[in-house]
Amino acid sequence: MAIFVEKCDTNDHSIQLVAFLETKLGSVDNRIIRGLGGVVLTRGVGVDADGSAGGLLSLLSEELVSIKDCISNRLCIILVGVIIKLNQEVVLCNVYAPNSENERRELCGFILNVQQSFPLPWCLRADFNTVLNAAERNGGEFNKWSARAFNNFILQAKTKLRAARGIINKWAMAKVKDQDTTKELEEKLAKIDERAGSNKWTDTLSYERLEAIFDIWKAIRREE
């Protein structure tokens, strides 16, 4: 089982989002959510495992994000929500791709279609069960056709995510009263956008932009 943990505010509840991949749980109920999330990660969305394989679970703090919509299947959980302090929409995506090439291709197509409907900052936490190049296999078996398909998916996702540039609204930036903090955040976003225009873009770039939004949220909290 893979677990992704994201920290947001070290002055408060440091862990704000946890993504569990391949949980192997036949069902996810409130008892499991309370046991794993405690009093901090109070919102949970799960996908049941198919027999002894698969299963997903996303836990998050309701103080951070208000969930507006949920799109899920046995391979992914896509949560559309709003960062409460900023009134900023975001998409949180938890993915565990199958080994089957055809199923993985269908999953990537599904994610791209959802992106068209939600051109927002995306936080993608995923295991696609494939690689971008032979070096990532460390001498193991390499499927160039699978890698080519995955690279094409990344490039298409990049094109769709470009629509999210500049999505940080003036209201949010105006909330940060300290001018040095505002300048620092603007420079960070500019660097992220510069990288988005290069060939070094990866599927984690959209999360870096989301992290920058979190920085604004933390700055607002410090000034309250």
C-alpha atoms as a PDB file:
ATOM      1  CA  MET A   1       0.000   0.000   0.000  1.00  0.00           C
ATOM      2  CA  ALA A   2       1.310   3.455  -0.921  1.00  0.00           C
ATOM      3  CA  ILE A   3       0.560   6.468   1.269  1.00  0.00           C
ATOM      4  CA  PHE A   4       1.004  10.126   0.264  1.00  0.00           C
ATOM      5  CA  VAL A   5       0.966  12.648   3.117  1.00  0.00           C
ATOM      6  CA  GLU A   6       0.815  16.402   2.522  1.00  0.00           C
ATOM      7  CA  LYS A   7       1.630  19.040   5.110  1.00  0.00           C
ATOM      8  CA  CYS A   8       0.080  22.452   5.026  1.00  0.00           C
ATOM      9  CA  ASP A   9       0.510  24.386   8.271  1.00  0.00           C
ATOM     10  CA  THR A  10       3.122  23.456  10.862  1.00  0.00           C
ATOM     11  CA  ASN A  11       1.604  25.883  13.361  1.00  0.00           C
ATOM     12  CA  ASP A  12      -1.653  23.943  13.437  1.00  0.00           C
ATOM     13  CA  HIS A  13      -2.594  20.425  12.330  1.00  0.00           C
ATOM     14  CA  SER A  14       0.412  19.800  10.090  1.00  0.00           C
ATOM     15  CA  ILE A  15      -1.151  17.006   8.043  1.00  0.00           C
ATOM     16  CA  GLN A  16      -4.048  18.225   5.892  1.00  0.00           C
ATOM     17  CA  LEU A  17      -4.326  15.590   3.179  1.00  0.00           C
ATOM     18  CA  VAL A  18      -3.570  11.860   3.073  1.00  0.00           C
ATOM     19  CA  ALA A  19      -3.985   9.640   0.002  1.00  0.00           C
ATOM     20  CA  PHE A  20      -3.979   5.856   0.423  1.00  0.00           C
ATOM     21  CA  LEU A  21      -3.379   3.703  -2.668  1.00  0.00           C
ATOM     22  CA  GLU A  22      -4.152  -0.022  -2.944  1.00  0.00           C
ATOM     23  CA  THR A  23      -5.776  -0.266   0.480  1.00  0.00           C
ATOM     24  CA  LYS A  24      -7.150  -3.777  -0.224  1.00  0.00           C
ATOM     25  CA  LEU A  25     -10.178  -2.823   1.905  1.00  0.00           C
ATOM     26  CA  GLY A  26     -13.441  -4.453   0.897  1.00  0.00           C
ATOM     27  CA  SER A  27     -15.364  -1.463   2.227  1.00  0.00           C
ATOM     28  CA  VAL A  28     -14.644   1.932   3.790  1.00  0.00           C
ATOM     29  CA  ASP A  29     -16.981   3.101   6.550  1.00  0.00           C
ATOM     30  CA  ASN A  30     -17.027   5.907   9.119  1.00  0.00           C
ATOM     31  CA  ARG A  31     -15.228   3.737  11.649  1.00  0.00           C
ATOM     32  CA  ILE A  32     -12.200   3.417   9.360  1.00  0.00           C
ATOM     33  CA  ILE A  33     -12.261   7.125   8.505  1.00  0.00           C
ATOM     34  CA  ARG A  34     -12.401   8.132  12.186  1.00  0.00           C
ATOM     35  CA  GLY A  35      -9.699   5.631  13.100  1.00  0.00           C
ATOM     36  CA  LEU A  36      -7.260   6.903  10.475  1.00  0.00           C
ATOM     37  CA  GLY A  37      -8.214  10.571  10.346  1.00  0.00           C
ATOM     38  CA  GLY A  38      -8.933  11.280  14.005  1.00  0.00           C
ATOM     39  CA  VAL A  39     -10.242  14.757  14.795  1.00  0.00           C
ATOM     40  CA  VAL A  40      -8.183  16.447  12.061  1.00  0.00           C
ATOM     41  CA  LEU A  41      -8.843  14.553   8.827  1.00  0.00           C
ATOM     42  CA  THR A  42     -12.591  14.369   9.258  1.00  0.00           C
ATOM     43  CA  ARG A  43     -13.648  13.996   5.619  1.00  0.00           C
ATOM     44  CA  GLY A  44     -12.973  10.728   3.837  1.00  0.00           C
ATOM     45  CA  VAL A  45     -13.867   9.307   0.445  1.00  0.00           C
ATOM     46  CA  GLY A  46     -13.044   5.706  -0.390  1.00  0.00           C
ATOM     47  CA  VAL A  47     -13.240   3.245  -3.259  1.00  0.00           C
ATOM     48  CA  ASP A  48     -13.633  -0.411  -2.320  1.00  0.00           C
ATOM     49  CA  ALA A  49     -11.043  -2.950  -3.416  1.00  0.00           C
ATOM     50  CA  ASP A  50     -11.889  -5.445  -6.141  1.00  0.00           C
ATOM     51  CA  GLY A  51     -11.280  -8.717  -4.328  1.00  0.00           C
ATOM     52  CA  SER A  52      -7.753  -8.631  -2.909  1.00  0.00           C
ATOM     53  CA  ALA A  53      -6.524  -5.878  -5.231  1.00  0.00           C
ATOM     54  CA  GLY A  54      -6.947  -2.119  -5.433  1.00  0.00           C
ATOM     55  CA  GLY A  55      -8.844   0.190  -3.127  1.00  0.00           C
ATOM     56  CA  LEU A  56      -8.383   3.932  -2.611  1.00  0.00           C
ATOM     57  CA  LEU A  57      -8.959   6.308   0.290  1.00  0.00           C
ATOM     58  CA  SER A  58      -8.589  10.092   0.470  1.00  0.00           C
ATOM     59  CA  LEU A  59      -8.667  11.837   3.858  1.00  0.00           C
ATOM     60  CA  LEU A  60      -8.606  15.599   4.286  1.00  0.00           C
ATOM     61  CA  SER A  61      -9.227  18.373   6.761  1.00  0.00           C
ATOM     62  CA  GLU A  62     -12.602  20.058   6.362  1.00  0.00           C
ATOM     63  CA  GLU A  63     -11.043  23.219   7.810  1.00  0.00           C
ATOM     64  CA  LEU A  64      -8.906  23.436   4.677  1.00  0.00           C
ATOM     65  CA  VAL A  65     -11.144  22.310   1.811  1.00  0.00           C
ATOM     66  CA  SER A  66     -14.900  22.190   1.340  1.00  0.00           C
ATOM     67  CA  ILE A  67     -15.766  19.395  -1.107  1.00  0.00           C
ATOM     68  CA  LYS A  68     -18.304  20.358  -3.791  1.00  0.00           C
ATOM     69  CA  ASP A  69     -18.228  17.347  -6.075  1.00  0.00           C
ATOM     70  CA  CYS A  70     -16.810  13.827  -6.225  1.00  0.00           C
ATOM     71  CA  ILE A  71     -16.088  11.750  -9.326  1.00  0.00           C
ATOM     72  CA  SER A  72     -14.817   8.246  -8.701  1.00  0.00           C
ATOM     73  CA  ASN A  73     -14.457   4.751 -10.071  1.00  0.00           C
ATOM     74  CA  ARG A  74     -12.446   1.743  -8.946  1.00  0.00           C
ATOM     75  CA  LEU A  75      -9.195   3.357 -10.174  1.00  0.00           C
ATOM     76  CA  CYS A  76      -9.432   6.978  -9.052  1.00  0.00           C
ATOM     77  CA  ILE A  77     -11.035   9.474  -6.702  1.00  0.00           C
ATOM     78  CA  ILE A  78     -11.402  13.027  -8.018  1.00  0.00           C
ATOM     79  CA  LEU A  79     -12.564  15.613  -5.490  1.00  0.00           C
ATOM     80  CA  VAL A  80     -13.532  19.119  -6.591  1.00  0.00           C
ATOM     81  CA  GLY A  81     -13.472  21.549  -3.709  1.00  0.00           C
ATOM     82  CA  VAL A  82     -12.800  25.039  -2.439  1.00  0.00           C
ATOM     83  CA  ILE A  83      -9.933  26.183  -0.235  1.00  0.00           C
ATOM     84  CA  ILE A  84     -12.106  27.849   2.371  1.00  0.00           C
ATOM     85  CA  LYS A  85      -9.883  30.773   3.363  1.00  0.00           C
ATOM     86  CA  LEU A  86      -9.269  31.772  -0.269  1.00  0.00           C
ATOM     87  CA  ASN A  87     -12.556  30.848  -1.912  1.00  0.00           C
ATOM     88  CA  GLN A  88     -10.331  29.126  -4.488  1.00  0.00           C
ATOM     89  CA  GLU A  89     -11.458  26.031  -6.367  1.00  0.00           C
ATOM     90  CA  VAL A  90      -9.041  23.089  -6.633  1.00  0.00           C
ATOM     91  CA  VAL A  91      -9.121  19.447  -7.729  1.00  0.00           C
ATOM     92  CA  LEU A  92      -7.643  16.664  -5.582  1.00  0.00           C
ATOM     93  CA  CYS A  93      -6.988  13.453  -7.521  1.00  0.00           C
ATOM     94  CA  ASN A  94      -6.012  10.060  -6.051  1.00  0.00           C
ATOM     95  CA  VAL A  95      -5.110   7.413  -8.677  1.00  0.00           C
ATOM     96  CA  TYR A  96      -3.931   3.822  -8.733  1.00  0.00           C
ATOM     97  CA  ALA A  97      -3.600   2.625 -12.330  1.00  0.00           C
ATOM     98  CA  PRO A  98      -3.903  -1.027 -13.366  1.00  0.00           C
ATOM     99  CA  ASN A  99      -1.141  -3.093 -14.964  1.00  0.00           C
ATOM    100  CA  SER A 100      -3.271  -3.618 -18.060  1.00  0.00           C
ATOM    101  CA  GLU A 101      -2.139  -1.302 -20.852  1.00  0.00           C
ATOM    102  CA  ASN A 102      -5.656  -0.935 -22.247  1.00  0.00           C
ATOM    103  CA  GLU A 103      -7.187  -0.133 -18.851  1.00  0.00           C
ATOM    104  CA  ARG A 104      -4.431   2.368 -18.124  1.00  0.00           C
ATOM    105  CA  ARG A 105      -5.054   4.080 -21.468  1.00  0.00           C
ATOM    106  CA  GLU A 106      -8.763   4.317 -20.679  1.00  0.00           C
ATOM    107  CA  LEU A 107      -7.986   5.748 -17.234  1.00  0.00           C
ATOM    108  CA  CYS A 108      -5.690   8.436 -18.672  1.00  0.00           C
ATOM    109  CA  GLY A 109      -8.374   9.351 -21.197  1.00  0.00           C
ATOM    110  CA  PHE A 110     -10.940   9.592 -18.412  1.00  0.00           C
ATOM    111  CA  ILE A 111      -8.706  11.943 -16.375  1.00  0.00           C
ATOM    112  CA  LEU A 112      -8.076  14.161 -19.418  1.00  0.00           C
ATOM    113  CA  ASN A 113     -11.821  14.407 -20.062  1.00  0.00           C
ATOM    114  CA  VAL A 114     -12.449  15.442 -16.456  1.00  0.00           C
ATOM    115  CA  GLN A 115      -9.687  18.057 -16.741  1.00  0.00           C
ATOM    116  CA  GLN A 116     -11.556  19.662 -19.612  1.00  0.00           C
ATOM    117  CA  SER A 117     -14.518  20.199 -17.313  1.00  0.00           C
ATOM    118  CA  PHE A 118     -12.375  21.502 -14.438  1.00  0.00           C
ATOM    119  CA  PRO A 119      -9.497  23.749 -15.692  1.00  0.00           C
ATOM    120  CA  LEU A 120      -8.330  24.366 -12.117  1.00  0.00           C
ATOM    121  CA  PRO A 121      -5.169  23.716 -10.093  1.00  0.00           C
ATOM    122  CA  TRP A 122      -4.868  19.936  -9.742  1.00  0.00           C
ATOM    123  CA  CYS A 123      -3.208  18.031  -6.902  1.00  0.00           C
ATOM    124  CA  LEU A 124      -2.419  14.644  -8.469  1.00  0.00           C
ATOM    125  CA  ARG A 125      -1.224  11.848  -6.200  1.00  0.00           C
ATOM    126  CA  ALA A 126      -0.888   8.682  -8.233  1.00  0.00           C
ATOM    127  CA  ASP A 127       0.810   5.436  -9.121  1.00  0.00           C
ATOM    128  CA  PHE A 128       0.378   4.862 -12.861  1.00  0.00           C
ATOM    129  CA  ASN A 129       2.269   1.550 -12.836  1.00  0.00           C
ATOM    130  CA  THR A 130       4.461   2.698 -15.715  1.00  0.00           C
ATOM    131  CA  VAL A 131       7.482   4.934 -16.351  1.00  0.00           C
ATOM    132  CA  LEU A 132       8.451   7.840 -18.585  1.00  0.00           C
ATOM    133  CA  ASN A 133      11.810   6.423 -19.703  1.00  0.00           C
ATOM    134  CA  ALA A 134      14.049   3.346 -19.482  1.00  0.00           C
ATOM    135  CA  ALA A 135      16.254   4.883 -16.768  1.00  0.00           C
ATOM    136  CA  GLU A 136      13.359   4.713 -14.302  1.00  0.00           C
ATOM    137  CA  ARG A 137      13.299   0.915 -14.605  1.00  0.00           C
ATOM    138  CA  ASN A 138      16.824   0.598 -13.156  1.00  0.00           C
ATOM    139  CA  GLY A 139      17.692  -2.241 -15.493  1.00  0.00           C
ATOM    140  CA  GLY A 140      14.278  -3.916 -15.327  1.00  0.00           C
ATOM    141  CA  GLU A 141      11.950  -4.703 -18.212  1.00  0.00           C
ATOM    142  CA  PHE A 142      11.036  -1.601 -20.218  1.00  0.00           C
ATOM    143  CA  ASN A 143       7.983  -1.252 -22.454  1.00  0.00           C
ATOM    144  CA  LYS A 144       8.650   1.601 -24.852  1.00  0.00           C
ATOM    145  CA  TRP A 145       5.045   1.658 -26.079  1.00  0.00           C
ATOM    146  CA  SER A 146       3.728   2.041 -22.547  1.00  0.00           C
ATOM    147  CA  ALA A 147       6.263   4.801 -21.841  1.00  0.00           C
ATOM    148  CA  ARG A 148       5.325   6.593 -25.064  1.00  0.00           C
ATOM    149  CA  ALA A 149       1.631   6.486 -24.154  1.00  0.00           C
ATOM    150  CA  PHE A 150       2.372   7.813 -20.659  1.00  0.00           C
ATOM    151  CA  ASN A 151       4.510  10.655 -22.055  1.00  0.00           C
ATOM    152  CA  ASN A 152       1.674  11.568 -24.414  1.00  0.00           C
ATOM    153  CA  PHE A 153      -0.732  11.642 -21.471  1.00  0.00           C
ATOM    154  CA  ILE A 154       1.603  13.960 -19.551  1.00  0.00           C
ATOM    155  CA  LEU A 155       1.921  16.307 -22.535  1.00  0.00           C
ATOM    156  CA  GLN A 156      -1.854  16.437 -23.013  1.00  0.00           C
ATOM    157  CA  ALA A 157      -2.403  17.053 -19.311  1.00  0.00           C
ATOM    158  CA  LYS A 158       0.151  19.862 -19.482  1.00  0.00           C
ATOM    159  CA  THR A 159      -1.763  21.573 -22.283  1.00  0.00           C
ATOM    160  CA  LYS A 160      -5.021  21.431 -20.350  1.00  0.00           C
ATOM    161  CA  LEU A 161      -3.431  22.601 -17.109  1.00  0.00           C
ATOM    162  CA  ARG A 162      -2.024  25.708 -18.789  1.00  0.00           C
ATOM    163  CA  ALA A 163      -5.550  27.093 -18.517  1.00  0.00           C
ATOM    164  CA  ALA A 164      -4.999  27.195 -14.758  1.00  0.00           C
ATOM    165  CA  ARG A 165      -2.149  29.719 -14.951  1.00  0.00           C
ATOM    166  CA  GLY A 166      -2.941  32.949 -13.195  1.00  0.00           C
ATOM    167  CA  ILE A 167      -5.935  31.362 -11.492  1.00  0.00           C
ATOM    168  CA  ILE A 168      -4.904  32.901  -8.144  1.00  0.00           C
ATOM    169  CA  ASN A 169      -7.390  35.760  -7.943  1.00  0.00           C
ATOM    170  CA  LYS A 170      -6.685  39.322  -6.861  1.00  0.00           C
ATOM    171  CA  TRP A 171      -8.945  38.895  -3.862  1.00  0.00           C
ATOM    172  CA  ALA A 172      -6.681  36.206  -2.437  1.00  0.00           C
ATOM    173  CA  MET A 173      -3.479  38.183  -3.020  1.00  0.00           C
ATOM    174  CA  ALA A 174      -5.048  41.331  -1.580  1.00  0.00           C
ATOM    175  CA  LYS A 175      -5.799  39.426   1.617  1.00  0.00           C
ATOM    176  CA  VAL A 176      -2.067  39.186   2.315  1.00  0.00           C
ATOM    177  CA  LYS A 177      -1.283  42.577   3.811  1.00  0.00           C
ATOM    178  CA  ASP A 178       2.491  42.161   4.069  1.00  0.00           C
ATOM    179  CA  GLN A 179       3.986  43.390   0.768  1.00  0.00           C
ATOM    180  CA  ASP A 180       7.181  41.321   1.102  1.00  0.00           C
ATOM    181  CA  THR A 181       5.089  38.165   1.493  1.00  0.00           C
ATOM    182  CA  THR A 182       2.978  39.099  -1.529  1.00  0.00           C
ATOM    183  CA  LYS A 183       6.089  39.688  -3.638  1.00  0.00           C
ATOM    184  CA  GLU A 184       7.607  36.380  -2.533  1.00  0.00           C
ATOM    185  CA  LEU A 185       4.448  34.467  -3.460  1.00  0.00           C
ATOM    186  CA  GLU A 186       4.167  36.187  -6.846  1.00  0.00           C
ATOM    187  CA  GLU A 187       7.797  35.307  -7.628  1.00  0.00           C
ATOM    188  CA  LYS A 188       7.177  31.680  -6.655  1.00  0.00           C
ATOM    189  CA  LEU A 189       4.172  31.459  -8.969  1.00  0.00           C
ATOM    190  CA  ALA A 190       6.138  33.093 -11.802  1.00  0.00           C
ATOM    191  CA  LYS A 191       8.875  30.470 -11.487  1.00  0.00           C
ATOM    192  CA  ILE A 192       6.303  27.672 -11.570  1.00  0.00           C
ATOM    193  CA  ASP A 193       4.736  29.116 -14.720  1.00  0.00           C
ATOM    194  CA  GLU A 194       8.191  29.464 -16.292  1.00  0.00           C
ATOM    195  CA  ARG A 195       8.847  25.781 -15.660  1.00  0.00           C
ATOM    196  CA  ALA A 196       5.433  24.937 -17.082  1.00  0.00           C
ATOM    197  CA  GLY A 197       6.628  26.325 -20.402  1.00  0.00           C
ATOM    198  CA  SER A 198       9.717  24.099 -20.470  1.00  0.00           C
ATOM    199  CA  ASN A 199      10.098  20.474 -21.513  1.00  0.00           C
ATOM    200  CA  LYS A 200      10.907  19.500 -17.930  1.00  0.00           C
ATOM    201  CA  TRP A 201       7.274  19.647 -16.857  1.00  0.00           C
ATOM    202  CA  THR A 202       6.017  16.652 -14.876  1.00  0.00           C
ATOM    203  CA  ASP A 203       2.630  15.693 -13.513  1.00  0.00           C
ATOM    204  CA  THR A 204       3.654  17.088 -10.117  1.00  0.00           C
ATOM    205  CA  LEU A 205       3.875  20.670 -11.370  1.00  0.00           C
ATOM    206  CA  SER A 206       0.195  21.367 -10.804  1.00  0.00           C
ATOM    207  CA  TYR A 207       0.658  20.333  -7.185  1.00  0.00           C
ATOM    208  CA  GLU A 208       3.456  22.898  -6.818  1.00  0.00           C
ATOM    209  CA  ARG A 209       0.980  25.577  -7.890  1.00  0.00           C
ATOM    210  CA  LEU A 210      -1.540  24.274  -5.391  1.00  0.00           C
ATOM    211  CA  GLU A 211       1.178  24.362  -2.730  1.00  0.00           C
ATOM    212  CA  ALA A 212       1.756  28.025  -3.574  1.00  0.00           C
ATOM    213  CA  ILE A 213      -1.939  28.674  -2.959  1.00  0.00           C
ATOM    214  CA  PHE A 214      -1.528  26.960   0.406  1.00  0.00           C
ATOM    215  CA  ASP A 215       1.311  29.410   1.165  1.00  0.00           C
ATOM    216  CA  ILE A 216      -1.075  32.310   0.602  1.00  0.00           C
ATOM    217  CA  TRP A 217      -3.627  30.629   2.859  1.00  0.00           C
ATOM    218  CA  LYS A 218      -1.008  30.262   5.610  1.00  0.00           C
ATOM    219  CA  ALA A 219       0.062  33.893   5.230  1.00  0.00           C
ATOM    220  CA  ILE A 220      -3.537  35.024   5.690  1.00  0.00           C
ATOM    221  CA  ARG A 221      -3.860  32.887   8.833  1.00  0.00           C
ATOM    222  CA  ARG A 222      -0.704  34.399  10.330  1.00  0.00           C
ATOM    223  CA  GLU A 223      -2.089  37.901   9.876  1.00  0.00           C
ATOM    224  CA  GLU A 224      -5.519  37.188  11.381  1.00  0.00           C
END
